[in-house]
N, C-alpha and C. Protein backbone atom coordinates (compact mmCIF):
# COMPACT_ATOMS: atom_id res chain seq x y z
N MET A 1 -33.98 -20.29 -42.05
CA MET A 1 -34.53 -20.23 -40.80
C MET A 1 -35.84 -20.21 -41.51
N ASN A 2 -37.12 -20.66 -40.31
CA ASN A 2 -38.62 -20.36 -40.45
C ASN A 2 -39.03 -18.78 -40.70
N GLN A 3 -39.23 -18.12 -41.54
CA GLN A 3 -39.75 -16.49 -41.32
C GLN A 3 -41.10 -16.40 -39.85
N GLY A 4 -41.60 -17.28 -39.73
CA GLY A 4 -42.69 -17.41 -38.42
C GLY A 4 -42.59 -17.48 -37.61
N LEU A 5 -41.15 -18.14 -36.86
CA LEU A 5 -40.75 -18.81 -35.89
C LEU A 5 -39.83 -17.75 -35.07
N PRO A 6 -39.64 -17.17 -34.22
CA PRO A 6 -38.30 -16.67 -34.03
C PRO A 6 -37.52 -17.86 -33.44
N LYS A 7 -36.04 -17.61 -33.54
CA LYS A 7 -35.01 -18.67 -33.04
C LYS A 7 -34.34 -18.46 -31.71
N PHE A 8 -34.27 -18.78 -30.97
CA PHE A 8 -33.84 -18.55 -29.53
C PHE A 8 -32.58 -19.44 -29.27
N GLU A 9 -31.54 -18.51 -28.95
CA GLU A 9 -30.13 -19.25 -28.88
C GLU A 9 -29.69 -18.75 -27.60
N PHE A 10 -28.73 -19.70 -27.26
CA PHE A 10 -27.97 -19.36 -25.50
C PHE A 10 -26.62 -19.24 -25.92
N PRO A 11 -25.93 -18.26 -26.41
CA PRO A 11 -24.42 -18.39 -26.67
C PRO A 11 -23.65 -18.07 -25.33
N SER A 12 -24.30 -17.53 -24.44
CA SER A 12 -23.37 -17.51 -23.17
C SER A 12 -24.73 -17.95 -21.59
N ASP A 13 -23.68 -18.09 -20.89
CA ASP A 13 -24.69 -18.42 -19.58
C ASP A 13 -25.87 -17.38 -19.18
N ARG A 14 -25.37 -15.88 -19.76
CA ARG A 14 -25.97 -14.99 -19.50
C ARG A 14 -26.94 -13.98 -20.47
N GLU A 15 -26.77 -15.15 -21.72
CA GLU A 15 -27.40 -14.29 -22.97
C GLU A 15 -28.56 -15.25 -23.07
N VAL A 16 -29.79 -14.74 -23.86
CA VAL A 16 -30.90 -14.99 -24.77
C VAL A 16 -30.88 -14.38 -26.04
N VAL A 17 -30.11 -14.75 -26.80
CA VAL A 17 -30.52 -14.25 -28.75
C VAL A 17 -31.74 -14.99 -29.00
N ILE A 18 -32.71 -13.88 -29.75
CA ILE A 18 -34.08 -14.39 -30.23
C ILE A 18 -33.60 -13.26 -32.13
N THR A 19 -33.62 -14.54 -32.79
CA THR A 19 -33.79 -14.14 -34.23
C THR A 19 -35.16 -14.03 -35.24
N ARG A 20 -35.52 -13.31 -35.84
CA ARG A 20 -36.79 -13.50 -36.42
C ARG A 20 -36.47 -12.64 -38.09
N ILE A 21 -37.45 -13.20 -38.93
CA ILE A 21 -37.34 -12.54 -40.31
C ILE A 21 -38.64 -12.00 -40.55
N PHE A 22 -38.71 -10.44 -40.66
CA PHE A 22 -40.05 -10.13 -41.10
C PHE A 22 -39.92 -9.51 -42.19
N ASP A 23 -41.29 -9.83 -42.85
CA ASP A 23 -41.40 -9.55 -44.78
C ASP A 23 -41.84 -8.50 -44.55
N ALA A 24 -40.49 -7.32 -44.38
CA ALA A 24 -40.66 -5.85 -44.40
C ALA A 24 -39.51 -5.20 -44.45
N PRO A 25 -38.95 -3.80 -45.01
CA PRO A 25 -38.19 -3.17 -45.15
C PRO A 25 -37.35 -2.67 -43.55
N ARG A 26 -36.17 -2.92 -43.48
CA ARG A 26 -35.87 -2.64 -42.07
C ARG A 26 -36.51 -1.27 -41.39
N GLU A 27 -36.45 -0.07 -42.38
CA GLU A 27 -36.91 1.15 -41.58
C GLU A 27 -37.90 1.11 -41.18
N LEU A 28 -38.84 -0.05 -41.86
CA LEU A 28 -39.96 0.15 -41.68
C LEU A 28 -39.96 -0.66 -39.73
N VAL A 29 -39.47 -1.88 -39.97
CA VAL A 29 -39.26 -2.69 -38.21
C VAL A 29 -38.67 -2.10 -37.82
N PHE A 30 -37.75 -0.90 -38.15
CA PHE A 30 -36.98 -0.23 -36.76
C PHE A 30 -38.05 0.85 -36.63
N LYS A 31 -39.15 1.54 -37.48
CA LYS A 31 -39.62 2.63 -37.15
C LYS A 31 -40.99 1.79 -35.85
N ALA A 32 -41.50 0.63 -36.19
CA ALA A 32 -42.40 0.10 -35.55
C ALA A 32 -41.94 -0.32 -33.94
N SER A 33 -40.00 -0.35 -33.89
CA SER A 33 -39.69 -0.64 -32.39
C SER A 33 -39.41 0.84 -31.85
N THR A 34 -39.40 1.63 -32.83
CA THR A 34 -38.98 2.99 -31.65
C THR A 34 -40.00 4.18 -31.68
N ASP A 35 -41.29 4.17 -32.43
CA ASP A 35 -42.36 4.82 -32.33
C ASP A 35 -43.41 4.55 -31.40
N PRO A 36 -43.53 5.90 -30.57
CA PRO A 36 -44.45 5.35 -29.16
C PRO A 36 -45.68 5.25 -30.03
N ASP A 37 -46.17 5.99 -30.93
CA ASP A 37 -48.00 5.37 -31.34
C ASP A 37 -47.91 4.04 -31.71
N LEU A 38 -46.95 3.32 -32.19
CA LEU A 38 -46.64 2.12 -32.72
C LEU A 38 -46.63 0.96 -31.99
N ILE A 39 -45.45 1.36 -31.06
CA ILE A 39 -45.59 0.24 -29.60
C ILE A 39 -46.74 -0.17 -29.03
N PRO A 40 -47.93 0.27 -29.01
CA PRO A 40 -48.96 -0.22 -28.04
C PRO A 40 -49.45 -1.53 -28.72
N LEU A 41 -49.67 -1.24 -30.15
CA LEU A 41 -50.22 -1.77 -31.36
C LEU A 41 -49.74 -3.43 -31.48
N TRP A 42 -48.31 -3.52 -30.73
CA TRP A 42 -47.58 -5.06 -30.86
C TRP A 42 -46.87 -5.36 -29.74
N TRP A 43 -46.40 -4.63 -29.10
CA TRP A 43 -45.54 -4.97 -27.90
C TRP A 43 -46.34 -5.68 -26.64
N GLY A 44 -45.77 -7.01 -26.47
CA GLY A 44 -46.30 -7.52 -25.41
C GLY A 44 -47.51 -8.67 -25.55
N PRO A 45 -47.93 -8.96 -24.74
CA PRO A 45 -49.12 -10.06 -24.84
C PRO A 45 -50.49 -9.51 -25.12
N ARG A 46 -51.17 -10.41 -26.52
CA ARG A 46 -52.69 -9.78 -26.18
C ARG A 46 -53.51 -9.16 -25.09
N ARG A 47 -53.30 -10.38 -24.35
CA ARG A 47 -54.17 -9.93 -23.35
C ARG A 47 -54.08 -8.98 -22.50
N PHE A 48 -52.83 -8.24 -22.92
CA PHE A 48 -52.59 -6.97 -22.12
C PHE A 48 -52.91 -5.70 -23.10
N ALA A 49 -53.00 -4.58 -22.12
CA ALA A 49 -53.22 -3.60 -22.80
C ALA A 49 -51.52 -2.55 -22.80
N THR A 50 -51.29 -2.38 -23.76
CA THR A 50 -49.85 -1.51 -23.52
C THR A 50 -50.12 -0.31 -23.77
N ALA A 51 -49.51 0.87 -22.81
CA ALA A 51 -49.78 2.27 -22.45
C ALA A 51 -48.13 2.79 -22.86
N VAL A 52 -47.74 3.38 -23.68
CA VAL A 52 -46.38 4.33 -23.49
C VAL A 52 -46.21 5.25 -22.63
N GLU A 53 -45.62 5.43 -21.48
CA GLU A 53 -46.07 6.78 -20.47
C GLU A 53 -45.23 7.62 -20.86
N ARG A 54 -43.81 6.72 -21.46
CA ARG A 54 -42.64 8.02 -21.85
C ARG A 54 -41.92 7.40 -23.03
N MET A 55 -41.12 7.78 -23.90
CA MET A 55 -40.29 7.09 -24.77
C MET A 55 -39.65 8.40 -25.25
N GLU A 56 -38.56 8.53 -24.88
CA GLU A 56 -37.19 9.40 -25.55
C GLU A 56 -36.32 8.87 -26.24
N VAL A 57 -36.33 7.96 -27.59
CA VAL A 57 -35.82 7.71 -28.25
C VAL A 57 -34.54 8.26 -28.80
N LYS A 58 -33.22 8.47 -27.65
CA LYS A 58 -32.14 9.04 -27.85
C LYS A 58 -31.21 8.56 -27.06
N PRO A 59 -30.09 8.81 -27.01
CA PRO A 59 -29.11 8.13 -26.38
C PRO A 59 -29.38 8.75 -24.83
N GLY A 60 -29.48 8.00 -23.78
CA GLY A 60 -29.74 8.77 -22.33
C GLY A 60 -31.32 9.38 -22.45
N GLY A 61 -31.94 8.81 -23.28
CA GLY A 61 -33.81 8.89 -23.06
C GLY A 61 -33.91 7.72 -22.33
N VAL A 62 -35.21 8.18 -21.89
CA VAL A 62 -35.77 7.10 -21.19
C VAL A 62 -37.24 6.59 -21.55
N TRP A 63 -37.68 5.33 -21.23
CA TRP A 63 -38.67 4.63 -21.55
C TRP A 63 -39.45 3.97 -20.67
N ARG A 64 -40.37 3.90 -20.67
CA ARG A 64 -41.90 3.46 -19.56
C ARG A 64 -42.82 2.69 -20.32
N PHE A 65 -43.14 1.59 -20.06
CA PHE A 65 -44.56 1.18 -20.84
C PHE A 65 -45.16 0.53 -19.33
N ILE A 66 -46.25 0.52 -19.50
CA ILE A 66 -47.46 0.03 -18.66
C ILE A 66 -48.14 -0.98 -19.46
N GLN A 67 -48.15 -2.00 -18.73
CA GLN A 67 -49.54 -3.16 -19.01
C GLN A 67 -50.23 -3.48 -18.22
N ARG A 68 -51.76 -3.15 -18.82
CA ARG A 68 -53.08 -3.15 -18.06
C ARG A 68 -53.13 -4.87 -18.56
N ASP A 69 -53.82 -5.70 -17.30
CA ASP A 69 -54.70 -6.68 -17.53
C ASP A 69 -56.52 -6.49 -17.51
N GLN A 70 -57.28 -7.39 -18.02
CA GLN A 70 -58.30 -7.10 -17.84
C GLN A 70 -59.16 -7.14 -16.45
N ASP A 71 -58.35 -7.35 -15.11
CA ASP A 71 -58.70 -7.22 -14.31
C ASP A 71 -58.17 -5.81 -13.31
N GLY A 72 -57.37 -4.81 -14.26
CA GLY A 72 -56.80 -3.53 -14.06
C GLY A 72 -55.52 -3.84 -13.38
N ASN A 73 -54.85 -4.75 -12.95
CA ASN A 73 -53.52 -4.87 -12.65
C ASN A 73 -52.28 -4.28 -13.44
N GLU A 74 -51.62 -3.67 -12.78
CA GLU A 74 -50.54 -2.97 -13.92
C GLU A 74 -49.37 -3.74 -13.61
N TYR A 75 -48.48 -3.77 -15.03
CA TYR A 75 -47.07 -4.09 -14.80
C TYR A 75 -46.28 -3.32 -15.61
N ALA A 76 -45.30 -2.45 -15.11
CA ALA A 76 -44.36 -1.29 -15.38
C ALA A 76 -43.13 -2.34 -15.92
N PHE A 77 -42.71 -1.43 -16.76
CA PHE A 77 -41.50 -1.98 -17.44
C PHE A 77 -40.46 -0.33 -18.51
N SER A 78 -39.19 -0.64 -17.83
CA SER A 78 -38.67 0.83 -18.13
C SER A 78 -37.23 0.50 -18.36
N GLY A 79 -36.49 1.51 -19.02
CA GLY A 79 -35.01 1.72 -19.13
C GLY A 79 -34.85 2.84 -19.77
N VAL A 80 -33.41 2.75 -19.99
CA VAL A 80 -32.57 4.21 -20.90
C VAL A 80 -32.27 3.13 -22.03
N TYR A 81 -32.64 4.66 -23.38
CA TYR A 81 -31.44 3.98 -24.48
C TYR A 81 -29.96 4.55 -24.23
N ARG A 82 -29.42 3.75 -24.59
CA ARG A 82 -27.95 3.31 -24.51
C ARG A 82 -27.35 4.28 -26.15
N GLU A 83 -27.95 3.36 -27.21
CA GLU A 83 -27.44 4.16 -28.20
C GLU A 83 -28.73 4.13 -29.48
N ILE A 84 -28.83 4.97 -30.35
CA ILE A 84 -29.61 4.66 -31.75
C ILE A 84 -29.14 5.01 -33.05
N VAL A 85 -29.00 3.82 -33.48
CA VAL A 85 -28.58 4.28 -34.99
C VAL A 85 -29.70 3.41 -36.09
N PRO A 86 -30.18 4.12 -36.48
CA PRO A 86 -31.76 4.06 -37.09
C PRO A 86 -30.69 3.76 -38.57
N PRO A 87 -31.36 3.13 -39.50
CA PRO A 87 -32.36 1.90 -38.61
C PRO A 87 -31.74 0.43 -38.74
N VAL A 88 -30.51 0.86 -38.19
CA VAL A 88 -29.25 -0.62 -37.98
C VAL A 88 -29.74 -1.01 -36.62
N ARG A 89 -29.57 -0.34 -35.52
CA ARG A 89 -29.23 -0.95 -34.21
C ARG A 89 -30.10 -0.07 -33.35
N GLU A 90 -30.53 -0.60 -31.79
CA GLU A 90 -31.01 0.24 -30.95
C GLU A 90 -30.83 -0.47 -29.59
N VAL A 91 -30.03 0.02 -28.58
CA VAL A 91 -29.41 -0.34 -27.59
C VAL A 91 -30.53 0.19 -26.37
N HIS A 92 -30.91 -0.86 -25.15
CA HIS A 92 -31.33 0.27 -24.10
C HIS A 92 -31.24 -1.24 -23.16
N THR A 93 -31.48 -0.24 -21.97
CA THR A 93 -31.66 -1.28 -20.46
C THR A 93 -33.07 -1.93 -20.62
N PHE A 94 -33.54 -2.63 -19.84
CA PHE A 94 -34.95 -3.27 -19.78
C PHE A 94 -34.89 -4.12 -18.01
N GLU A 95 -36.23 -3.10 -17.47
CA GLU A 95 -36.35 -3.45 -15.87
C GLU A 95 -37.80 -3.67 -15.70
N PHE A 96 -38.21 -4.95 -15.47
CA PHE A 96 -39.36 -5.08 -14.53
C PHE A 96 -39.80 -4.35 -13.58
N ALA A 97 -40.48 -3.42 -12.74
CA ALA A 97 -40.71 -2.58 -11.61
C ALA A 97 -41.15 -3.76 -10.90
N GLY A 98 -41.84 -5.07 -11.21
CA GLY A 98 -41.55 -6.18 -10.29
C GLY A 98 -40.54 -6.94 -9.63
N MET A 99 -39.70 -6.78 -9.89
CA MET A 99 -38.65 -7.13 -10.10
C MET A 99 -37.23 -5.99 -9.68
N PRO A 100 -37.48 -5.30 -9.26
CA PRO A 100 -36.27 -4.06 -8.89
C PRO A 100 -34.82 -4.62 -8.79
N GLY A 101 -33.88 -3.66 -9.89
CA GLY A 101 -32.76 -4.00 -9.76
C GLY A 101 -32.33 -5.41 -10.38
N HIS A 102 -32.80 -6.06 -11.08
CA HIS A 102 -32.92 -6.87 -12.19
C HIS A 102 -32.40 -6.27 -13.77
N VAL A 103 -31.46 -5.84 -14.09
CA VAL A 103 -31.61 -4.96 -15.14
C VAL A 103 -30.86 -5.84 -16.31
N ILE A 104 -31.57 -6.07 -17.15
CA ILE A 104 -31.06 -6.65 -18.69
C ILE A 104 -30.54 -5.28 -20.18
N LEU A 105 -29.62 -5.94 -20.55
CA LEU A 105 -29.22 -4.68 -21.37
C LEU A 105 -29.61 -5.22 -22.47
N GLU A 106 -30.25 -5.01 -23.31
CA GLU A 106 -30.96 -5.42 -25.02
C GLU A 106 -30.43 -4.73 -26.21
N THR A 107 -29.70 -5.36 -26.70
CA THR A 107 -29.41 -4.74 -28.54
C THR A 107 -30.33 -5.42 -29.39
N SER A 108 -30.79 -4.59 -29.96
CA SER A 108 -31.85 -4.86 -31.48
C SER A 108 -30.83 -4.70 -32.64
N THR A 109 -30.85 -5.45 -33.65
CA THR A 109 -30.22 -5.26 -34.44
C THR A 109 -31.04 -5.76 -36.03
N PHE A 110 -30.91 -4.50 -36.81
CA PHE A 110 -31.87 -4.90 -38.04
C PHE A 110 -30.93 -5.18 -39.00
N GLU A 111 -30.93 -6.28 -39.73
CA GLU A 111 -30.33 -6.46 -40.82
C GLU A 111 -30.96 -6.86 -42.34
N GLU A 112 -30.82 -6.13 -43.41
CA GLU A 112 -31.14 -6.24 -44.55
C GLU A 112 -31.16 -7.73 -44.98
N PHE A 113 -31.88 -8.24 -45.12
CA PHE A 113 -31.99 -10.42 -45.58
C PHE A 113 -33.09 -10.52 -46.44
N LYS A 114 -32.29 -10.49 -47.55
CA LYS A 114 -33.52 -10.63 -48.86
C LYS A 114 -34.14 -10.21 -48.79
N GLY A 115 -34.18 -8.87 -49.05
CA GLY A 115 -35.57 -8.01 -49.18
C GLY A 115 -36.45 -8.48 -48.05
N LYS A 116 -36.34 -8.29 -46.84
CA LYS A 116 -36.52 -8.62 -45.73
C LYS A 116 -35.75 -7.81 -44.75
N THR A 117 -36.22 -8.24 -43.33
CA THR A 117 -35.50 -7.88 -42.43
C THR A 117 -35.13 -8.75 -41.67
N LYS A 118 -33.84 -9.04 -41.07
CA LYS A 118 -33.66 -9.77 -40.12
C LYS A 118 -33.36 -9.61 -38.88
N LEU A 119 -33.98 -9.41 -37.69
CA LEU A 119 -34.13 -8.62 -36.18
C LEU A 119 -33.49 -9.86 -35.39
N ILE A 120 -32.38 -9.29 -34.64
CA ILE A 120 -31.93 -10.09 -34.06
C ILE A 120 -31.57 -9.21 -32.95
N VAL A 121 -32.57 -9.90 -31.74
CA VAL A 121 -32.15 -9.19 -30.09
C VAL A 121 -31.39 -9.57 -29.15
N THR A 122 -30.37 -9.31 -28.44
CA THR A 122 -29.46 -9.66 -27.56
C THR A 122 -30.34 -9.51 -26.35
N ASP A 123 -30.63 -10.17 -25.48
CA ASP A 123 -30.44 -9.49 -24.07
C ASP A 123 -29.50 -10.28 -23.07
N LEU A 124 -28.84 -9.51 -22.58
CA LEU A 124 -28.05 -9.55 -21.62
C LEU A 124 -27.94 -9.29 -20.19
N PHE A 125 -28.30 -10.45 -19.36
CA PHE A 125 -28.73 -10.50 -17.94
C PHE A 125 -27.72 -10.26 -16.87
N GLN A 126 -27.53 -9.86 -15.82
CA GLN A 126 -26.71 -9.88 -14.70
C GLN A 126 -26.12 -10.99 -14.08
N THR A 127 -26.88 -12.33 -14.39
CA THR A 127 -26.82 -13.55 -14.01
C THR A 127 -27.36 -14.34 -14.92
N VAL A 128 -26.47 -15.70 -14.19
CA VAL A 128 -27.00 -16.72 -15.10
C VAL A 128 -28.78 -17.36 -14.47
N GLU A 129 -28.85 -17.00 -13.08
CA GLU A 129 -29.95 -16.89 -12.28
C GLU A 129 -31.40 -16.36 -12.97
N ASP A 130 -30.80 -14.74 -13.43
CA ASP A 130 -31.60 -14.03 -14.07
C ASP A 130 -32.24 -14.45 -15.07
N ARG A 131 -31.13 -14.63 -16.12
CA ARG A 131 -31.41 -15.25 -17.38
C ARG A 131 -32.19 -16.06 -17.42
N ASP A 132 -32.32 -17.42 -16.44
CA ASP A 132 -32.95 -18.36 -16.40
C ASP A 132 -34.32 -18.07 -15.77
N GLY A 133 -34.45 -17.50 -14.88
CA GLY A 133 -36.01 -17.12 -13.97
C GLY A 133 -36.69 -16.24 -15.24
N MET A 134 -35.92 -15.42 -15.96
CA MET A 134 -36.66 -14.55 -17.21
C MET A 134 -37.06 -15.66 -18.21
N PHE A 135 -36.21 -16.48 -18.56
CA PHE A 135 -36.60 -17.31 -19.99
C PHE A 135 -37.96 -18.66 -19.30
N ASN A 136 -37.75 -18.52 -18.04
CA ASN A 136 -38.61 -19.85 -17.24
C ASN A 136 -40.02 -19.52 -16.81
N SER A 137 -40.36 -18.11 -16.85
CA SER A 137 -41.15 -17.10 -16.40
C SER A 137 -41.85 -17.03 -17.41
N GLY A 138 -41.98 -17.32 -18.84
CA GLY A 138 -42.65 -17.10 -20.11
C GLY A 138 -41.89 -15.97 -21.04
N MET A 139 -40.69 -15.52 -21.02
CA MET A 139 -40.05 -15.11 -22.14
C MET A 139 -40.10 -15.40 -23.50
N LYS A 140 -40.19 -16.77 -23.83
CA LYS A 140 -40.12 -17.48 -24.80
C LYS A 140 -41.60 -17.32 -25.34
N GLU A 141 -42.03 -17.44 -25.07
CA GLU A 141 -43.87 -16.93 -25.28
C GLU A 141 -44.36 -15.66 -25.22
N GLY A 142 -43.70 -14.95 -24.79
CA GLY A 142 -43.96 -13.90 -24.55
C GLY A 142 -43.69 -12.57 -26.11
N ALA A 143 -42.31 -13.19 -26.12
CA ALA A 143 -41.67 -12.60 -27.43
C ALA A 143 -42.04 -13.08 -28.51
N THR A 144 -42.43 -14.57 -28.27
CA THR A 144 -43.01 -14.96 -30.17
C THR A 144 -44.49 -14.37 -30.02
N GLU A 145 -45.35 -14.21 -29.22
CA GLU A 145 -46.35 -13.41 -29.37
C GLU A 145 -46.44 -12.26 -29.87
N SER A 146 -45.51 -11.23 -29.00
CA SER A 146 -45.14 -10.05 -29.44
C SER A 146 -44.55 -9.80 -30.92
N MET A 147 -43.49 -10.72 -31.15
CA MET A 147 -43.11 -10.88 -32.62
C MET A 147 -44.24 -11.05 -33.75
N ASP A 148 -45.39 -11.79 -33.36
CA ASP A 148 -46.17 -11.85 -34.48
C ASP A 148 -47.27 -11.04 -34.61
N ARG A 149 -47.27 -10.31 -33.49
CA ARG A 149 -48.05 -8.91 -33.74
C ARG A 149 -47.24 -7.87 -34.07
N LEU A 150 -45.85 -7.66 -34.04
CA LEU A 150 -45.19 -7.25 -34.97
C LEU A 150 -45.41 -7.34 -36.61
N GLU A 151 -45.76 -8.74 -36.88
CA GLU A 151 -45.62 -9.30 -38.16
C GLU A 151 -47.10 -8.56 -38.43
N GLU A 152 -48.28 -8.90 -37.77
CA GLU A 152 -49.50 -8.56 -38.38
C GLU A 152 -49.49 -6.79 -38.69
N LEU A 153 -48.80 -6.35 -38.08
CA LEU A 153 -48.72 -4.74 -38.02
C LEU A 153 -47.97 -4.39 -39.38
N LEU A 154 -46.46 -5.05 -39.38
CA LEU A 154 -46.10 -4.78 -40.62
C LEU A 154 -46.80 -4.65 -41.48
N LYS A 155 -47.47 -5.93 -41.79
CA LYS A 155 -48.21 -6.68 -43.53
C LYS A 155 -49.32 -5.10 -43.11
N LYS A 156 -49.67 -4.47 -42.48
CA LYS A 156 -50.68 -3.36 -42.82
C LYS A 156 -49.65 -2.08 -42.85
N GLN A 157 -48.48 -1.76 -42.36
CA GLN A 157 -48.08 -0.69 -42.87
C GLN A 157 -47.38 -0.78 -43.96
N ASN A 158 -46.82 -2.07 -44.59
CA ASN A 158 -45.93 -2.11 -45.51
C ASN A 158 -46.95 -1.91 -46.99
């Protein structure tokens, strides 16, 4: 697998699995994924400023991120943490405020892999239409750019 590019797979009609290798210890990759101070440094495309409004990293804890574009438009994302097992696994719901009611269950698994970390993100959608709509609206590009930004941050932290 090419370390620099995420791999996108569709194991069922309601899932997208994204896999990428990061040249950093899994404790550091997990921390970058669960630290509210680090999220704004990598989460989302560069053209948006991301602010963490709330982030309670514990089962039942709520998270909410706001992205702003250069024109001041805001896009909110939120969810609830279901499972936190440092530095192995993190599970939360994901909902875009612009499409309420379309909730994704996102599971991130952090595996040690040849001195690096293999991050496997599984997004489970409620319907095939939700999955296809999200993927076709730029999910691949957005996830790739976020993971590129995460790799840059990890290089600075490592």
